[in-house]
Every structure is written in structure tokens, then in C-alpha cells.
Amino acid sequence: MARQWRAELAELTSEWDRVASERIDVVKQSGGGSQGGDFGFAADAMRINRAIDADRGRAVIESRIKELRNLLERLDG
């Protein structure tokens, strides 16, 4: 069972990385946090990121990753 959990965890971690790579870096895109940044763009970027997260099931992926890590920690502990 542990082998299956580890394989699933590796797969989900890779999927999480793919989702994260699709997200917009709000700070970088708005000028690196300097004063006078484009706050309208930042709000749009955050909205886009929420849509990406929802479309890709990020919350479900994160929940399952946490569950698997807890299971493996108990098994290894």
C-alpha cells in the first residue's frame, strides 16, 4: 500500500507543479512590487489564478497530497 501511496503522491505533486506553472506571478507581472504598479492588472491576475486553480482542481490535489503525506508519515513514524 505504501508504494501505491508514494506513487500517487509523486504523480499529484507533479500535477500540482504543472498547475502552479500555469498561474500568473502577480508581483512580477505588476512591476515587481514597486510603487505605482498596475493594481487593476493585479486584480485581474488574481481572478485568472483562481479560475486556473478551480479548472485544474488545485484544492482537491492539495487535499489529497496532504492526506497522503499524513498517511505516509504515520506509516513511517
N, C-alpha and C. Protein backbone atom coordinates (compact mmCIF):
# COMPACT_ATOMS: atom_id res chain seq x y z
N MET A 1 0.83 -1.20 0.00
CA MET A 1 0.00 0.00 0.00
C MET A 1 0.87 1.26 0.00
N ALA A 2 1.94 1.24 0.79
CA ALA A 2 2.81 2.42 0.86
C ALA A 2 3.39 2.77 -0.50
N ARG A 3 3.72 1.76 -1.28
CA ARG A 3 4.27 2.00 -2.62
C ARG A 3 3.25 2.73 -3.49
N GLN A 4 2.00 2.32 -3.40
CA GLN A 4 0.94 2.97 -4.17
C GLN A 4 0.74 4.42 -3.73
N TRP A 5 0.77 4.63 -2.43
CA TRP A 5 0.62 5.99 -1.91
C TRP A 5 1.77 6.89 -2.36
N ARG A 6 2.98 6.35 -2.32
CA ARG A 6 4.14 7.14 -2.75
C ARG A 6 4.06 7.47 -4.25
N ALA A 7 3.62 6.51 -5.04
CA ALA A 7 3.47 6.75 -6.48
C ALA A 7 2.39 7.79 -6.74
N GLU A 8 1.28 7.68 -6.02
CA GLU A 8 0.20 8.66 -6.18
C GLU A 8 0.67 10.04 -5.74
N LEU A 9 1.41 10.10 -4.64
CA LEU A 9 1.93 11.37 -4.14
C LEU A 9 2.86 12.01 -5.17
N ALA A 10 3.73 11.23 -5.77
CA ALA A 10 4.64 11.75 -6.79
C ALA A 10 3.86 12.29 -7.99
N GLU A 11 2.84 11.55 -8.40
CA GLU A 11 2.02 11.98 -9.54
C GLU A 11 1.27 13.27 -9.22
N LEU A 12 0.68 13.34 -8.03
CA LEU A 12 -0.07 14.54 -7.64
C LEU A 12 0.85 15.74 -7.45
N THR A 13 2.04 15.50 -6.94
CA THR A 13 3.00 16.59 -6.77
C THR A 13 3.39 17.16 -8.13
N SER A 14 3.59 16.28 -9.10
CA SER A 14 3.89 16.74 -10.46
C SER A 14 2.71 17.52 -11.04
N GLU A 15 1.51 17.04 -10.80
CA GLU A 15 0.31 17.74 -11.29
C GLU A 15 0.20 19.12 -10.63
N TRP A 16 0.47 19.19 -9.31
CA TRP A 16 0.43 20.47 -8.60
C TRP A 16 1.45 21.43 -9.21
N ASP A 17 2.63 20.92 -9.52
CA ASP A 17 3.67 21.76 -10.14
C ASP A 17 3.21 22.29 -11.50
N ARG A 18 2.53 21.44 -12.27
CA ARG A 18 2.02 21.90 -13.58
C ARG A 18 0.98 23.01 -13.40
N VAL A 19 0.09 22.82 -12.44
CA VAL A 19 -0.93 23.85 -12.17
C VAL A 19 -0.24 25.15 -11.73
N ALA A 20 0.71 25.03 -10.83
CA ALA A 20 1.42 26.22 -10.34
C ALA A 20 2.14 26.94 -11.46
N SER A 21 2.66 26.20 -12.42
CA SER A 21 3.40 26.83 -13.52
C SER A 21 2.47 27.60 -14.47
N GLU A 22 1.19 27.28 -14.45
CA GLU A 22 0.22 27.97 -15.30
C GLU A 22 -0.25 29.29 -14.69
N ARG A 23 -0.06 29.44 -13.39
CA ARG A 23 -0.54 30.62 -12.69
C ARG A 23 0.30 31.84 -13.03
N ILE A 24 -0.28 32.99 -12.90
CA ILE A 24 0.39 34.26 -13.16
C ILE A 24 1.09 34.71 -11.89
N ASP A 25 2.36 35.09 -11.99
CA ASP A 25 3.07 35.68 -10.86
C ASP A 25 2.64 37.13 -10.77
N VAL A 26 1.73 37.41 -9.85
CA VAL A 26 1.11 38.72 -9.76
C VAL A 26 2.14 39.82 -9.49
N VAL A 27 3.06 39.58 -8.59
CA VAL A 27 4.06 40.59 -8.25
C VAL A 27 4.95 40.89 -9.45
N LYS A 28 5.43 39.84 -10.09
CA LYS A 28 6.33 40.01 -11.23
C LYS A 28 5.61 40.75 -12.38
N GLN A 29 4.38 40.39 -12.63
CA GLN A 29 3.64 40.98 -13.74
C GLN A 29 3.20 42.42 -13.48
N SER A 30 3.13 42.79 -12.21
CA SER A 30 2.70 44.16 -11.90
C SER A 30 3.88 45.09 -11.66
N GLY A 31 5.07 44.67 -12.02
CA GLY A 31 6.22 45.55 -11.91
C GLY A 31 7.11 45.24 -10.74
N GLY A 32 7.00 44.05 -10.18
CA GLY A 32 7.91 43.63 -9.12
C GLY A 32 7.64 44.25 -7.77
N GLY A 33 6.46 44.75 -7.55
CA GLY A 33 6.11 45.28 -6.25
C GLY A 33 6.48 46.73 -6.05
N SER A 34 6.94 47.41 -7.10
CA SER A 34 7.30 48.81 -6.96
C SER A 34 6.04 49.66 -6.81
N GLN A 35 6.20 50.81 -6.23
CA GLN A 35 5.06 51.71 -6.07
C GLN A 35 4.53 52.12 -7.43
N GLY A 36 3.24 52.32 -7.48
CA GLY A 36 2.62 52.75 -8.71
C GLY A 36 2.36 51.61 -9.68
N GLY A 37 2.33 50.36 -9.16
CA GLY A 37 2.06 49.20 -10.01
C GLY A 37 0.65 49.23 -10.55
N ASP A 38 0.39 48.36 -11.45
CA ASP A 38 -0.92 48.26 -12.09
C ASP A 38 -1.84 47.40 -11.23
N PHE A 39 -2.56 48.05 -10.33
CA PHE A 39 -3.41 47.31 -9.39
C PHE A 39 -4.59 46.66 -10.10
N GLY A 40 -5.05 47.26 -11.19
CA GLY A 40 -6.12 46.64 -11.98
C GLY A 40 -5.66 45.32 -12.55
N PHE A 41 -4.43 45.29 -13.05
CA PHE A 41 -3.89 44.04 -13.58
C PHE A 41 -3.76 43.01 -12.48
N ALA A 42 -3.29 43.44 -11.31
CA ALA A 42 -3.12 42.50 -10.20
C ALA A 42 -4.45 41.84 -9.85
N ALA A 43 -5.51 42.61 -9.81
CA ALA A 43 -6.83 42.04 -9.51
C ALA A 43 -7.25 41.07 -10.60
N ASP A 44 -7.00 41.42 -11.86
CA ASP A 44 -7.31 40.52 -12.97
C ASP A 44 -6.49 39.24 -12.88
N ALA A 45 -5.21 39.38 -12.57
CA ALA A 45 -4.34 38.22 -12.47
C ALA A 45 -4.79 37.28 -11.35
N MET A 46 -5.19 37.84 -10.23
CA MET A 46 -5.67 37.01 -9.12
C MET A 46 -6.94 36.28 -9.52
N ARG A 47 -7.81 36.95 -10.25
CA ARG A 47 -9.04 36.31 -10.73
C ARG A 47 -8.71 35.18 -11.70
N ILE A 48 -7.77 35.42 -12.59
CA ILE A 48 -7.34 34.39 -13.54
C ILE A 48 -6.73 33.20 -12.79
N ASN A 49 -5.91 33.48 -11.78
CA ASN A 49 -5.31 32.41 -11.00
C ASN A 49 -6.38 31.57 -10.29
N ARG A 50 -7.41 32.23 -9.75
CA ARG A 50 -8.49 31.48 -9.10
C ARG A 50 -9.20 30.58 -10.12
N ALA A 51 -9.39 31.08 -11.33
CA ALA A 51 -10.03 30.28 -12.38
C ALA A 51 -9.15 29.09 -12.77
N ILE A 52 -7.86 29.32 -12.89
CA ILE A 52 -6.93 28.23 -13.20
C ILE A 52 -7.00 27.18 -12.10
N ASP A 53 -6.93 27.62 -10.85
CA ASP A 53 -6.98 26.69 -9.71
C ASP A 53 -8.26 25.87 -9.72
N ALA A 54 -9.38 26.53 -9.95
CA ALA A 54 -10.67 25.82 -9.96
C ALA A 54 -10.75 24.85 -11.13
N ASP A 55 -10.31 25.29 -12.30
CA ASP A 55 -10.38 24.46 -13.50
C ASP A 55 -9.50 23.22 -13.39
N ARG A 56 -8.35 23.35 -12.76
CA ARG A 56 -7.40 22.24 -12.65
C ARG A 56 -7.59 21.42 -11.38
N GLY A 57 -8.52 21.83 -10.52
CA GLY A 57 -8.78 21.07 -9.30
C GLY A 57 -7.69 21.18 -8.26
N ARG A 58 -7.09 22.36 -8.16
CA ARG A 58 -5.96 22.54 -7.26
C ARG A 58 -6.31 22.21 -5.80
N ALA A 59 -7.47 22.61 -5.34
CA ALA A 59 -7.84 22.35 -3.94
C ALA A 59 -7.94 20.84 -3.67
N VAL A 60 -8.48 20.10 -4.62
CA VAL A 60 -8.59 18.65 -4.47
C VAL A 60 -7.21 18.01 -4.47
N ILE A 61 -6.35 18.47 -5.36
CA ILE A 61 -4.98 17.95 -5.43
C ILE A 61 -4.26 18.21 -4.12
N GLU A 62 -4.35 19.44 -3.62
CA GLU A 62 -3.67 19.79 -2.36
C GLU A 62 -4.20 18.98 -1.19
N SER A 63 -5.50 18.77 -1.16
CA SER A 63 -6.11 17.99 -0.08
C SER A 63 -5.60 16.55 -0.09
N ARG A 64 -5.55 15.96 -1.28
CA ARG A 64 -5.08 14.57 -1.39
C ARG A 64 -3.59 14.47 -1.09
N ILE A 65 -2.80 15.44 -1.52
CA ILE A 65 -1.37 15.44 -1.18
C ILE A 65 -1.20 15.46 0.34
N LYS A 66 -1.94 16.32 1.00
CA LYS A 66 -1.85 16.42 2.46
C LYS A 66 -2.25 15.09 3.11
N GLU A 67 -3.33 14.50 2.61
CA GLU A 67 -3.79 13.22 3.15
C GLU A 67 -2.73 12.14 2.98
N LEU A 68 -2.16 12.06 1.79
CA LEU A 68 -1.13 11.04 1.53
C LEU A 68 0.11 11.27 2.39
N ARG A 69 0.52 12.51 2.53
CA ARG A 69 1.68 12.79 3.38
C ARG A 69 1.42 12.38 4.82
N ASN A 70 0.21 12.65 5.31
CA ASN A 70 -0.14 12.24 6.68
C ASN A 70 -0.15 10.72 6.82
N LEU A 71 -0.71 10.02 5.84
CA LEU A 71 -0.74 8.56 5.88
C LEU A 71 0.68 7.99 5.89
N LEU A 72 1.52 8.52 5.00
CA LEU A 72 2.90 8.02 4.93
C LEU A 72 3.70 8.38 6.16
N GLU A 73 3.45 9.54 6.73
CA GLU A 73 4.15 9.93 7.96
C GLU A 73 3.79 8.99 9.09
N ARG A 74 2.50 8.66 9.21
CA ARG A 74 2.08 7.71 10.26
C ARG A 74 2.68 6.34 10.02
N LEU A 75 2.73 5.93 8.77
CA LEU A 75 3.28 4.63 8.43
C LEU A 75 4.78 4.57 8.72
N ASP A 76 5.49 5.64 8.39
CA ASP A 76 6.94 5.69 8.59
C ASP A 76 7.31 5.99 10.05
N GLY A 77 6.39 6.66 10.75
CA GLY A 77 6.68 7.10 12.12
C GLY A 77 6.56 6.00 13.09
